[in-house]
Amino acid sequence: MRIQLVKDGNTLAPVGDDSLNALSKIPQGELVTVELTRPRNPRWHNMYWHLCGLLLDNSDGQYGPTKESVSDFLKIAVSHVTDDGKPRSISFESMEQTEFEAFYASVCDVVATLWQTTPEAIHYEIENLTGQRLG
């Protein structure tokens, strides 16, 4: 059974009727084991692709001719690769939010090094470009 919960102080509360109904079927006092995952935030995914586009637009094709090739370059640069060295997927199904945040931070570190700036400056530039804030 999968349900969605929202953190409220130090407790987790069901989100929506389906989650509430599923939770109400568990007897009071019964021990349950929960695996916590955070669903991906589409804004973070969007910001990543904007960063790939920004790198593409400012690299004279050095990292490939498309955003996808830039993405592959970045994945390899941060060791987000399969056992045979091919870039791994960053699809919503393959990474939960916490893992994607760490991946994105590593990518910003790489781009900051390439552009001789700080990761914070990269975040600021992408947030201004998209009008979105991470957090």
Protein backbone atom coordinates (compact mmCIF):
# COMPACT_ATOMS: atom_id res chain seq x y z
CA MET A 1 0.00 0.00 0.00
CA ARG A 2 1.29 3.45 -0.92
CA ILE A 3 -0.06 6.60 0.67
CA GLN A 4 1.02 10.21 0.75
CA LEU A 5 1.81 11.93 4.02
CA VAL A 6 2.79 15.47 4.88
CA LYS A 7 5.06 16.40 7.75
CA ASP A 8 3.26 18.39 10.45
CA GLY A 9 5.65 19.16 13.30
CA ASN A 10 7.03 15.78 14.35
CA THR A 11 4.15 13.74 12.93
CA LEU A 12 3.06 12.62 9.49
CA ALA A 13 -0.53 13.30 8.44
CA PRO A 14 -2.37 11.69 5.50
CA VAL A 15 -2.90 13.78 2.36
CA GLY A 16 -6.26 13.30 0.66
CA ASP A 17 -9.13 10.92 1.17
CA ASP A 18 -7.38 7.88 -0.32
CA SER A 19 -4.46 8.20 2.09
CA LEU A 20 -6.79 8.84 5.03
CA ASN A 21 -8.90 5.78 4.17
CA ALA A 22 -5.85 3.54 3.79
CA LEU A 23 -4.40 4.75 7.09
CA SER A 24 -7.71 4.28 8.90
CA LYS A 25 -7.67 0.57 7.99
CA ILE A 26 -4.58 0.02 10.15
CA PRO A 27 -5.66 -0.93 13.69
CA GLN A 28 -4.81 1.57 16.43
CA GLY A 29 -1.49 0.72 18.09
CA GLU A 30 -0.36 -1.63 15.32
CA LEU A 31 3.30 -1.34 14.41
CA VAL A 32 3.96 -0.51 10.75
CA THR A 33 7.22 -0.02 8.90
CA VAL A 34 7.43 2.99 6.62
CA GLU A 35 9.97 3.67 3.89
CA LEU A 36 10.22 7.40 3.43
CA THR A 37 10.69 8.79 -0.05
CA ARG A 38 10.16 12.30 -1.30
CA PRO A 39 8.47 12.54 -4.69
CA ARG A 40 10.37 14.55 -7.25
CA ASN A 41 9.67 18.23 -7.54
CA PRO A 42 9.18 19.13 -11.22
CA ARG A 43 10.67 22.59 -10.59
CA TRP A 44 14.05 21.02 -9.78
CA HIS A 45 13.93 18.96 -12.97
CA ASN A 46 13.03 22.08 -14.96
CA MET A 47 15.90 24.04 -13.37
CA TYR A 48 18.33 21.26 -14.31
CA TRP A 49 17.31 21.41 -17.97
CA HIS A 50 17.59 25.19 -17.94
CA LEU A 51 21.11 24.79 -16.57
CA CYS A 52 21.93 22.36 -19.41
CA GLY A 53 20.58 24.91 -21.89
CA LEU A 54 22.59 27.71 -20.32
CA LEU A 55 25.77 25.64 -20.52
CA LEU A 56 24.98 24.74 -24.14
CA ASP A 57 24.39 28.39 -25.08
CA ASN A 58 27.68 29.47 -23.50
CA SER A 59 30.03 26.67 -24.54
CA ASP A 60 30.39 26.89 -28.33
CA GLY A 61 29.35 23.24 -28.58
CA GLN A 62 32.20 22.08 -26.36
CA TYR A 63 29.88 19.71 -24.46
CA GLY A 64 27.84 18.62 -27.47
CA PRO A 65 25.26 20.07 -29.81
CA THR A 66 22.13 19.51 -27.68
CA LYS A 67 20.89 19.91 -24.11
CA GLU A 68 20.78 16.11 -23.94
CA SER A 69 24.47 15.84 -24.82
CA VAL A 70 25.29 18.51 -22.22
CA SER A 71 23.24 16.51 -19.72
CA ASP A 72 25.23 13.37 -20.56
CA PHE A 73 28.49 15.32 -20.12
CA LEU A 74 27.32 16.55 -16.69
CA LYS A 75 26.17 13.09 -15.59
CA ILE A 76 29.57 11.65 -16.47
CA ALA A 77 31.35 14.58 -14.77
CA VAL A 78 29.52 13.87 -11.48
CA SER A 79 29.86 10.06 -11.85
CA HIS A 80 26.13 9.52 -12.32
CA VAL A 81 26.90 6.56 -14.56
CA THR A 82 26.18 2.86 -14.94
CA ASP A 83 28.82 0.20 -14.27
CA ASP A 84 29.94 0.45 -17.90
CA GLY A 85 30.33 4.26 -17.71
CA LYS A 86 27.16 5.27 -19.55
CA PRO A 87 25.08 8.17 -18.16
CA ARG A 88 22.30 6.99 -15.82
CA SER A 89 18.72 8.17 -16.07
CA ILE A 90 17.47 11.09 -14.00
CA SER A 91 13.82 10.30 -14.72
CA PHE A 92 11.26 10.82 -12.00
CA GLU A 93 10.95 7.05 -11.63
CA SER A 94 14.69 6.50 -11.22
CA MET A 95 15.48 9.15 -8.56
CA GLU A 96 13.57 10.48 -5.61
CA GLN A 97 13.89 14.12 -4.57
CA THR A 98 16.68 13.79 -2.01
CA GLU A 99 18.89 11.94 -4.49
CA PHE A 100 18.09 14.47 -7.25
CA GLU A 101 18.99 17.39 -4.96
CA ALA A 102 22.41 15.85 -4.31
CA PHE A 103 22.87 15.22 -8.05
CA TYR A 104 21.87 18.82 -8.88
CA ALA A 105 24.26 20.21 -6.26
CA SER A 106 27.11 18.17 -7.76
CA VAL A 107 26.22 19.41 -11.23
CA CYS A 108 26.24 23.02 -9.99
CA ASP A 109 29.69 22.41 -8.48
CA VAL A 110 30.96 21.18 -11.87
CA VAL A 111 29.47 24.12 -13.78
CA ALA A 112 30.81 26.56 -11.18
CA THR A 113 34.28 25.10 -11.66
CA LEU A 114 33.98 25.34 -15.45
CA TRP A 115 32.87 28.98 -15.23
CA GLN A 116 35.19 29.86 -12.34
CA THR A 117 32.37 30.99 -10.10
CA THR A 118 30.46 29.61 -7.11
CA PRO A 119 27.62 27.10 -6.98
CA GLU A 120 25.53 29.82 -5.31
CA ALA A 121 26.07 32.08 -8.34
CA ILE A 122 24.89 29.23 -10.59
CA HIS A 123 21.74 28.75 -8.45
CA TYR A 124 21.08 32.49 -8.54
CA GLU A 125 21.48 32.64 -12.33
CA ILE A 126 19.14 29.70 -12.95
CA GLU A 127 16.54 31.01 -10.48
CA ASN A 128 16.60 34.40 -12.22
CA LEU A 129 16.42 32.79 -15.64
CA THR A 130 13.40 30.67 -14.77
CA GLY A 131 11.70 32.93 -12.22
CA GLN A 132 11.53 29.89 -9.92
CA ARG A 133 13.03 29.35 -6.51
CA LEU A 134 14.30 26.06 -5.18
CA GLY A 135 13.59 25.14 -1.64
